[in-house]
């Protein structure tokens, strides 16, 4: 747990203070990046081209 809190503190440091109203959004960004173990082609395809994207043929 200590490692995660230190990681969160280091993640928030560049923002130089944030409003507590938006703290949960910054924590969610950190949680997403922390839980992302690897980036592969399939992940990038789903991120950059959602299913609603239309590709003309």
PDB file of N, CA and C in Angstrom:
ATOM      1  N   UNK A   1       0.817  -1.188   0.000  1.00  0.00           N
ATOM      2  CA  UNK A   1       0.000   0.000   0.000  1.00  0.00           C
ATOM      3  C   UNK A   1       0.866   1.258   0.000  1.00  0.00           C
ATOM      4  N   UNK A   2       1.964   1.216   0.730  1.00  0.00           N
ATOM      5  CA  UNK A   2       2.803   2.415   0.782  1.00  0.00           C
ATOM      6  C   UNK A   2       3.319   2.788  -0.598  1.00  0.00           C
ATOM      7  N   UNK A   3       3.636   1.790  -1.402  1.00  0.00           N
ATOM      8  CA  UNK A   3       4.136   2.059  -2.747  1.00  0.00           C
ATOM      9  C   UNK A   3       3.102   2.747  -3.618  1.00  0.00           C
ATOM     10  N   UNK A   4       1.843   2.342  -3.454  1.00  0.00           N
ATOM     11  CA  UNK A   4       0.772   2.971  -4.241  1.00  0.00           C
ATOM     12  C   UNK A   4       0.585   4.415  -3.815  1.00  0.00           C
ATOM     13  N   UNK A   5       0.613   4.687  -2.522  1.00  0.00           N
ATOM     14  CA  UNK A   5       0.440   6.067  -2.052  1.00  0.00           C
ATOM     15  C   UNK A   5       1.592   6.961  -2.491  1.00  0.00           C
ATOM     16  N   UNK A   6       2.796   6.425  -2.472  1.00  0.00           N
ATOM     17  CA  UNK A   6       3.944   7.193  -2.943  1.00  0.00           C
ATOM     18  C   UNK A   6       3.813   7.458  -4.440  1.00  0.00           C
ATOM     19  N   UNK A   7       3.346   6.449  -5.174  1.00  0.00           N
ATOM     20  CA  UNK A   7       3.121   6.639  -6.602  1.00  0.00           C
ATOM     21  C   UNK A   7       2.075   7.704  -6.875  1.00  0.00           C
ATOM     22  N   UNK A   8       0.993   7.709  -6.092  1.00  0.00           N
ATOM     23  CA  UNK A   8      -0.045   8.729  -6.247  1.00  0.00           C
ATOM     24  C   UNK A   8       0.501  10.108  -5.914  1.00  0.00           C
ATOM     25  N   UNK A   9       1.276  10.203  -4.855  1.00  0.00           N
ATOM     26  CA  UNK A   9       1.865  11.490  -4.491  1.00  0.00           C
ATOM     27  C   UNK A   9       2.784  12.010  -5.588  1.00  0.00           C
ATOM     28  N   UNK A  10       3.593  11.135  -6.147  1.00  0.00           N
ATOM     29  CA  UNK A  10       4.480  11.541  -7.231  1.00  0.00           C
ATOM     30  C   UNK A  10       3.702  11.895  -8.495  1.00  0.00           C
ATOM     31  N   UNK A  11       2.576  11.230  -8.722  1.00  0.00           N
ATOM     32  CA  UNK A  11       1.733  11.536  -9.873  1.00  0.00           C
ATOM     33  C   UNK A  11       1.099  12.919  -9.722  1.00  0.00           C
ATOM     34  N   UNK A  12       0.693  13.283  -8.507  1.00  0.00           N
ATOM     35  CA  UNK A  12       0.024  14.561  -8.274  1.00  0.00           C
ATOM     36  C   UNK A  12       0.991  15.735  -8.170  1.00  0.00           C
ATOM     37  N   UNK A  13       2.242  15.481  -7.908  1.00  0.00           N
ATOM     38  CA  UNK A  13       3.221  16.539  -7.694  1.00  0.00           C
ATOM     39  C   UNK A  13       3.306  17.549  -8.834  1.00  0.00           C
ATOM     40  N   UNK A  14       3.349  17.161 -10.107  1.00  0.00           N
ATOM     41  CA  UNK A  14       3.467  18.159 -11.185  1.00  0.00           C
ATOM     42  C   UNK A  14       2.270  19.102 -11.295  1.00  0.00           C
ATOM     43  N   UNK A  15       1.127  18.717 -10.736  1.00  0.00           N
ATOM     44  CA  UNK A  15      -0.053  19.559 -10.855  1.00  0.00           C
ATOM     45  C   UNK A  15      -0.024  20.744  -9.893  1.00  0.00           C
ATOM     46  N   UNK A  16       0.877  20.746  -8.935  1.00  0.00           N
ATOM     47  CA  UNK A  16       1.103  21.848  -7.997  1.00  0.00           C
ATOM     48  C   UNK A  16      -0.164  22.277  -7.257  1.00  0.00           C
ATOM     49  N   UNK A  17      -0.836  21.328  -6.700  1.00  0.00           N
ATOM     50  CA  UNK A  17      -2.034  21.620  -5.917  1.00  0.00           C
ATOM     51  C   UNK A  17      -3.283  21.521  -6.763  1.00  0.00           C
ATOM     52  N   UNK A  18      -4.229  20.763  -6.267  1.00  0.00           N
ATOM     53  CA  UNK A  18      -5.476  20.588  -6.996  1.00  0.00           C
ATOM     54  C   UNK A  18      -6.626  20.843  -6.027  1.00  0.00           C
ATOM     55  N   UNK A  19      -7.754  21.196  -6.565  1.00  0.00           N
ATOM     56  CA  UNK A  19      -8.929  21.434  -5.744  1.00  0.00           C
ATOM     57  C   UNK A  19      -9.496  20.096  -5.295  1.00  0.00           C
ATOM     58  N   UNK A  20      -9.922  20.017  -4.037  1.00  0.00           N
ATOM     59  CA  UNK A  20     -10.413  18.737  -3.532  1.00  0.00           C
ATOM     60  C   UNK A  20     -11.697  18.295  -4.227  1.00  0.00           C
ATOM     61  N   UNK A  21     -12.376  19.235  -4.879  1.00  0.00           N
ATOM     62  CA  UNK A  21     -13.570  18.882  -5.639  1.00  0.00           C
ATOM     63  C   UNK A  21     -13.222  17.954  -6.800  1.00  0.00           C
ATOM     64  N   UNK A  22     -12.022  18.096  -7.362  1.00  0.00           N
ATOM     65  CA  UNK A  22     -11.608  17.311  -8.521  1.00  0.00           C
ATOM     66  C   UNK A  22     -10.600  16.227  -8.179  1.00  0.00           C
ATOM     67  N   UNK A  23     -10.319  16.029  -6.908  1.00  0.00           N
ATOM     68  CA  UNK A  23      -9.321  15.044  -6.502  1.00  0.00           C
ATOM     69  C   UNK A  23      -9.665  13.649  -7.002  1.00  0.00           C
ATOM     70  N   UNK A  24     -10.938  13.292  -6.960  1.00  0.00           N
ATOM     71  CA  UNK A  24     -11.327  11.946  -7.373  1.00  0.00           C
ATOM     72  C   UNK A  24     -11.013  11.694  -8.851  1.00  0.00           C
ATOM     73  N   UNK A  25     -11.043  12.736  -9.680  1.00  0.00           N
ATOM     74  CA  UNK A  25     -10.715  12.571 -11.097  1.00  0.00           C
ATOM     75  C   UNK A  25      -9.222  12.299 -11.286  1.00  0.00           C
ATOM     76  N   UNK A  26      -8.384  13.002 -10.531  1.00  0.00           N
ATOM     77  CA  UNK A  26      -6.946  12.764 -10.610  1.00  0.00           C
ATOM     78  C   UNK A  26      -6.606  11.368 -10.091  1.00  0.00           C
ATOM     79  N   UNK A  27      -7.278  10.941  -9.020  1.00  0.00           N
ATOM     80  CA  UNK A  27      -7.044   9.604  -8.482  1.00  0.00           C
ATOM     81  C   UNK A  27      -7.488   8.549  -9.490  1.00  0.00           C
ATOM     82  N   UNK A  28      -8.594   8.799 -10.195  1.00  0.00           N
ATOM     83  CA  UNK A  28      -9.051   7.857 -11.222  1.00  0.00           C
ATOM     84  C   UNK A  28      -8.046   7.763 -12.359  1.00  0.00           C
ATOM     85  N   UNK A  29      -7.453   8.900 -12.760  1.00  0.00           N
ATOM     86  CA  UNK A  29      -6.421   8.865 -13.803  1.00  0.00           C
ATOM     87  C   UNK A  29      -5.224   8.041 -13.344  1.00  0.00           C
ATOM     88  N   UNK A  30      -4.805   8.250 -12.094  1.00  0.00           N
ATOM     89  CA  UNK A  30      -3.676   7.480 -11.570  1.00  0.00           C
ATOM     90  C   UNK A  30      -4.026   6.004 -11.487  1.00  0.00           C
ATOM     91  N   UNK A  31      -5.233   5.684 -11.035  1.00  0.00           N
ATOM     92  CA  UNK A  31      -5.650   4.295 -10.908  1.00  0.00           C
ATOM     93  C   UNK A  31      -5.649   3.605 -12.270  1.00  0.00           C
ATOM     94  N   UNK A  32      -6.135   4.297 -13.298  1.00  0.00           N
ATOM     95  CA  UNK A  32      -6.146   3.723 -14.635  1.00  0.00           C
ATOM     96  C   UNK A  32      -4.722   3.450 -15.121  1.00  0.00           C
ATOM     97  N   UNK A  33      -3.838   4.437 -14.933  1.00  0.00           N
ATOM     98  CA  UNK A  33      -2.462   4.249 -15.401  1.00  0.00           C
ATOM     99  C   UNK A  33      -1.727   3.191 -14.580  1.00  0.00           C
ATOM    100  N   UNK A  34      -2.049   3.086 -13.302  1.00  0.00           N
ATOM    101  CA  UNK A  34      -1.401   2.085 -12.449  1.00  0.00           C
ATOM    102  C   UNK A  34      -1.869   0.675 -12.817  1.00  0.00           C
ATOM    103  N   UNK A  35      -3.131   0.524 -13.144  1.00  0.00           N
ATOM    104  CA  UNK A  35      -3.679  -0.790 -13.464  1.00  0.00           C
ATOM    105  C   UNK A  35      -3.344  -1.242 -14.883  1.00  0.00           C
ATOM    106  N   UNK A  36      -2.910  -0.328 -15.723  1.00  0.00           N
ATOM    107  CA  UNK A  36      -2.565  -0.676 -17.095  1.00  0.00           C
ATOM    108  C   UNK A  36      -1.201  -1.361 -17.085  1.00  0.00           C
ATOM    109  N   UNK A  37      -1.187  -2.634 -17.329  1.00  0.00           N
ATOM    110  CA  UNK A  37       0.055  -3.406 -17.233  1.00  0.00           C
ATOM    111  C   UNK A  37       0.877  -3.347 -18.505  1.00  0.00           C
ATOM    112  N   UNK A  38       0.231  -3.348 -19.635  1.00  0.00           N
ATOM    113  CA  UNK A  38       0.958  -3.326 -20.886  1.00  0.00           C
ATOM    114  C   UNK A  38       0.105  -2.626 -21.939  1.00  0.00           C
ATOM    115  N   UNK A  39       0.768  -2.125 -22.922  1.00  0.00           N
ATOM    116  CA  UNK A  39       0.094  -1.504 -24.048  1.00  0.00           C
ATOM    117  C   UNK A  39       0.417  -2.348 -25.267  1.00  0.00           C
ATOM    118  N   UNK A  40      -0.615  -2.913 -25.879  1.00  0.00           N
ATOM    119  CA  UNK A  40      -0.412  -3.702 -27.070  1.00  0.00           C
ATOM    120  C   UNK A  40      -1.271  -3.131 -28.199  1.00  0.00           C
ATOM    121  N   UNK A  41      -1.181  -3.750 -29.343  1.00  0.00           N
ATOM    122  CA  UNK A  41      -1.885  -3.257 -30.519  1.00  0.00           C
ATOM    123  C   UNK A  41      -3.396  -3.256 -30.309  1.00  0.00           C
ATOM    124  N   UNK A  42      -3.914  -4.308 -29.685  1.00  0.00           N
ATOM    125  CA  UNK A  42      -5.358  -4.405 -29.469  1.00  0.00           C
ATOM    126  C   UNK A  42      -5.864  -3.283 -28.561  1.00  0.00           C
ATOM    127  N   UNK A  43      -5.119  -2.962 -27.517  1.00  0.00           N
ATOM    128  CA  UNK A  43      -5.496  -1.871 -26.628  1.00  0.00           C
ATOM    129  C   UNK A  43      -5.514  -0.543 -27.370  1.00  0.00           C
ATOM    130  N   UNK A  44      -4.483  -0.270 -28.148  1.00  0.00           N
ATOM    131  CA  UNK A  44      -4.424   0.986 -28.897  1.00  0.00           C
ATOM    132  C   UNK A  44      -5.543   1.066 -29.933  1.00  0.00           C
ATOM    133  N   UNK A  45      -5.863  -0.051 -30.562  1.00  0.00           N
ATOM    134  CA  UNK A  45      -6.936  -0.056 -31.551  1.00  0.00           C
ATOM    135  C   UNK A  45      -8.274   0.292 -30.898  1.00  0.00           C
ATOM    136  N   UNK A  46      -8.548  -0.295 -29.736  1.00  0.00           N
ATOM    137  CA  UNK A  46      -9.802   0.003 -29.044  1.00  0.00           C
ATOM    138  C   UNK A  46      -9.820   1.424 -28.496  1.00  0.00           C
ATOM    139  N   UNK A  47      -8.682   1.935 -28.101  1.00  0.00           N
ATOM    140  CA  UNK A  47      -8.616   3.301 -27.567  1.00  0.00           C
ATOM    141  C   UNK A  47      -8.774   4.336 -28.667  1.00  0.00           C
ATOM    142  N   UNK A  48      -8.104   4.141 -29.784  1.00  0.00           N
ATOM    143  CA  UNK A  48      -8.093   5.145 -30.841  1.00  0.00           C
ATOM    144  C   UNK A  48      -9.267   5.014 -31.805  1.00  0.00           C
ATOM    145  N   UNK A  49      -9.789   3.815 -31.972  1.00  0.00           N
ATOM    146  CA  UNK A  49     -10.888   3.592 -32.905  1.00  0.00           C
ATOM    147  C   UNK A  49     -12.040   2.905 -32.193  1.00  0.00           C
ATOM    148  N   UNK A  50     -12.882   3.661 -31.509  1.00  0.00           N
ATOM    149  CA  UNK A  50     -14.013   3.030 -30.821  1.00  0.00           C
ATOM    150  C   UNK A  50     -14.959   2.354 -31.818  1.00  0.00           C
ATOM    151  N   UNK A  51     -15.847   1.554 -31.311  1.00  0.00           N
ATOM    152  CA  UNK A  51     -16.739   0.788 -32.177  1.00  0.00           C
ATOM    153  C   UNK A  51     -17.698   1.690 -32.968  1.00  0.00           C
ATOM    154  N   UNK A  52     -17.933   2.896 -32.494  1.00  0.00           N
ATOM    155  CA  UNK A  52     -18.849   3.788 -33.203  1.00  0.00           C
ATOM    156  C   UNK A  52     -18.171   4.538 -34.346  1.00  0.00           C
ATOM    157  N   UNK A  53     -16.866   4.349 -34.508  1.00  0.00           N
ATOM    158  CA  UNK A  53     -16.146   5.037 -35.588  1.00  0.00           C
ATOM    159  C   UNK A  53     -16.509   4.423 -36.930  1.00  0.00           C
ATOM    160  N   UNK A  54     -16.787   5.257 -37.889  1.00  0.00           N
ATOM    161  CA  UNK A  54     -17.171   4.800 -39.218  1.00  0.00           C
ATOM    162  C   UNK A  54     -15.967   4.832 -40.127  1.00  0.00           C
ATOM    163  N   UNK A  55     -15.679   3.718 -40.773  1.00  0.00           N
ATOM    164  CA  UNK A  55     -14.602   3.643 -41.735  1.00  0.00           C
ATOM    165  C   UNK A  55     -15.206   3.466 -43.122  1.00  0.00           C
ATOM    166  N   UNK A  56     -15.055   4.431 -44.002  1.00  0.00           N
ATOM    167  CA  UNK A  56     -15.596   4.245 -45.345  1.00  0.00           C
ATOM    168  C   UNK A  56     -14.846   3.137 -46.092  1.00  0.00           C
ATOM    169  N   UNK A  57     -15.533   2.427 -46.940  1.00  0.00           N
ATOM    170  CA  UNK A  57     -14.891   1.335 -47.665  1.00  0.00           C
ATOM    171  C   UNK A  57     -14.521   1.734 -49.073  1.00  0.00           C
TER     172      UNK A  57
END
